């Protein structure tokens, strides 16, 4: 996610939303000021999480999202990296 996404609780809020939706994966800050997230789970839940990530928590201002499909990693839970 690009925009005002670091220092606004994005990763913590993403972890809470992931738990609510029952998806697994991770979120991490990148050196370029973006947040990177990987999500896996049931297709409908992943789609719902992707929609949430496009807006983020109230303090965030997501300007652009780059999304790619990747192979599942059989993650358990959602971790903040």
C-alpha atoms as a PDB file:
ATOM      1  CA  UNK A   1       0.000   0.000   0.000  1.00  0.00           C
ATOM      2  CA  UNK A   2       1.291   3.447  -0.949  1.00  0.00           C
ATOM      3  CA  UNK A   3       0.375   6.710   0.730  1.00  0.00           C
ATOM      4  CA  UNK A   4       0.297   7.705   4.382  1.00  0.00           C
ATOM      5  CA  UNK A   5       0.448   4.124   5.632  1.00  0.00           C
ATOM      6  CA  UNK A   6       3.337   4.012   8.120  1.00  0.00           C
ATOM      7  CA  UNK A   7       3.106   5.359  11.651  1.00  0.00           C
ATOM      8  CA  UNK A   8      -0.700   5.215  11.620  1.00  0.00           C
ATOM      9  CA  UNK A   9      -1.310   1.753  13.108  1.00  0.00           C
ATOM     10  CA  UNK A  10      -1.831   0.141   9.704  1.00  0.00           C
ATOM     11  CA  UNK A  11      -0.140  -3.176  10.507  1.00  0.00           C
ATOM     12  CA  UNK A  12      -1.853  -3.604  13.883  1.00  0.00           C
ATOM     13  CA  UNK A  13      -5.245  -2.799  12.375  1.00  0.00           C
ATOM     14  CA  UNK A  14      -4.537  -5.186   9.479  1.00  0.00           C
ATOM     15  CA  UNK A  15      -3.738  -7.965  11.954  1.00  0.00           C
ATOM     16  CA  UNK A  16      -7.006  -7.340  13.808  1.00  0.00           C
ATOM     17  CA  UNK A  17      -8.974  -7.363  10.543  1.00  0.00           C
ATOM     18  CA  UNK A  18      -7.203 -10.554   9.429  1.00  0.00           C
ATOM     19  CA  UNK A  19      -8.175 -12.266  12.686  1.00  0.00           C
ATOM     20  CA  UNK A  20     -11.770 -11.103  12.246  1.00  0.00           C
ATOM     21  CA  UNK A  21     -11.882 -12.509   8.709  1.00  0.00           C
ATOM     22  CA  UNK A  22      -9.960 -15.687   9.529  1.00  0.00           C
ATOM     23  CA  UNK A  23      -7.170 -15.097   7.017  1.00  0.00           C
ATOM     24  CA  UNK A  24      -3.463 -15.726   7.532  1.00  0.00           C
ATOM     25  CA  UNK A  25      -0.379 -13.878   6.393  1.00  0.00           C
ATOM     26  CA  UNK A  26       1.740 -10.915   7.375  1.00  0.00           C
ATOM     27  CA  UNK A  27       2.209  -7.154   7.088  1.00  0.00           C
ATOM     28  CA  UNK A  28       5.463  -5.241   7.187  1.00  0.00           C
ATOM     29  CA  UNK A  29       6.796  -1.728   6.706  1.00  0.00           C
ATOM     30  CA  UNK A  30       9.148  -1.309   3.772  1.00  0.00           C
ATOM     31  CA  UNK A  31      12.044   1.138   3.575  1.00  0.00           C
ATOM     32  CA  UNK A  32      10.318   3.076   0.770  1.00  0.00           C
ATOM     33  CA  UNK A  33       7.446   4.111   3.086  1.00  0.00           C
ATOM     34  CA  UNK A  34       4.957   1.521   1.860  1.00  0.00           C
ATOM     35  CA  UNK A  35       3.322  -1.348   3.724  1.00  0.00           C
ATOM     36  CA  UNK A  36       3.505  -4.830   2.207  1.00  0.00           C
ATOM     37  CA  UNK A  37       0.952  -7.478   3.140  1.00  0.00           C
ATOM     38  CA  UNK A  38       0.568 -11.120   2.194  1.00  0.00           C
ATOM     39  CA  UNK A  39      -2.822 -12.725   2.771  1.00  0.00           C
ATOM     40  CA  UNK A  40      -4.119 -16.253   2.265  1.00  0.00           C
ATOM     41  CA  UNK A  41      -7.294 -18.087   3.134  1.00  0.00           C
ATOM     42  CA  UNK A  42     -10.760 -18.655   1.747  1.00  0.00           C
ATOM     43  CA  UNK A  43     -11.233 -16.670  -1.495  1.00  0.00           C
ATOM     44  CA  UNK A  44     -14.138 -14.561  -0.201  1.00  0.00           C
ATOM     45  CA  UNK A  45     -12.250 -13.684   2.987  1.00  0.00           C
ATOM     46  CA  UNK A  46      -9.100 -12.816   1.021  1.00  0.00           C
ATOM     47  CA  UNK A  47     -11.154 -10.558  -1.262  1.00  0.00           C
ATOM     48  CA  UNK A  48     -12.694  -8.856   1.765  1.00  0.00           C
ATOM     49  CA  UNK A  49      -9.249  -8.354   3.305  1.00  0.00           C
ATOM     50  CA  UNK A  50      -7.941  -6.926   0.023  1.00  0.00           C
ATOM     51  CA  UNK A  51     -10.819  -4.441   0.001  1.00  0.00           C
ATOM     52  CA  UNK A  52      -9.997  -3.456   3.593  1.00  0.00           C
ATOM     53  CA  UNK A  53      -6.298  -3.020   2.743  1.00  0.00           C
ATOM     54  CA  UNK A  54      -7.246  -0.623  -0.070  1.00  0.00           C
ATOM     55  CA  UNK A  55      -8.572   1.784   2.589  1.00  0.00           C
ATOM     56  CA  UNK A  56      -6.773   0.751   5.784  1.00  0.00           C
ATOM     57  CA  UNK A  57      -7.516   2.096   9.253  1.00  0.00           C
ATOM     58  CA  UNK A  58      -9.046   5.561   9.776  1.00  0.00           C
ATOM     59  CA  UNK A  59      -5.674   7.313  10.282  1.00  0.00           C
ATOM     60  CA  UNK A  60      -4.223   5.934   7.021  1.00  0.00           C
ATOM     61  CA  UNK A  61      -4.519   7.464   3.589  1.00  0.00           C
ATOM     62  CA  UNK A  62      -4.015   4.736   0.984  1.00  0.00           C
ATOM     63  CA  UNK A  63      -3.282   6.304  -2.397  1.00  0.00           C
ATOM     64  CA  UNK A  64      -2.412   3.230  -4.440  1.00  0.00           C
ATOM     65  CA  UNK A  65      -2.252  -0.553  -4.060  1.00  0.00           C
ATOM     66  CA  UNK A  66      -0.027  -2.916  -6.032  1.00  0.00           C
ATOM     67  CA  UNK A  67      -1.425  -6.458  -5.884  1.00  0.00           C
ATOM     68  CA  UNK A  68       0.013  -9.744  -7.117  1.00  0.00           C
ATOM     69  CA  UNK A  69      -1.159 -13.328  -6.782  1.00  0.00           C
ATOM     70  CA  UNK A  70       1.430 -15.542  -5.098  1.00  0.00           C
ATOM     71  CA  UNK A  71       1.512 -19.208  -4.167  1.00  0.00           C
ATOM     72  CA  UNK A  72       0.055 -19.986  -0.719  1.00  0.00           C
ATOM     73  CA  UNK A  73       2.611 -20.585   2.036  1.00  0.00           C
ATOM     74  CA  UNK A  74       0.271 -22.409   4.420  1.00  0.00           C
ATOM     75  CA  UNK A  75       0.654 -19.630   6.971  1.00  0.00           C
ATOM     76  CA  UNK A  76      -1.015 -19.886  10.360  1.00  0.00           C
ATOM     77  CA  UNK A  77      -2.216 -16.669  11.922  1.00  0.00           C
ATOM     78  CA  UNK A  78      -1.277 -13.159  10.873  1.00  0.00           C
ATOM     79  CA  UNK A  79       2.045 -11.721  11.930  1.00  0.00           C
ATOM     80  CA  UNK A  80       3.449  -8.225  11.956  1.00  0.00           C
ATOM     81  CA  UNK A  81       6.973  -8.185  10.594  1.00  0.00           C
END
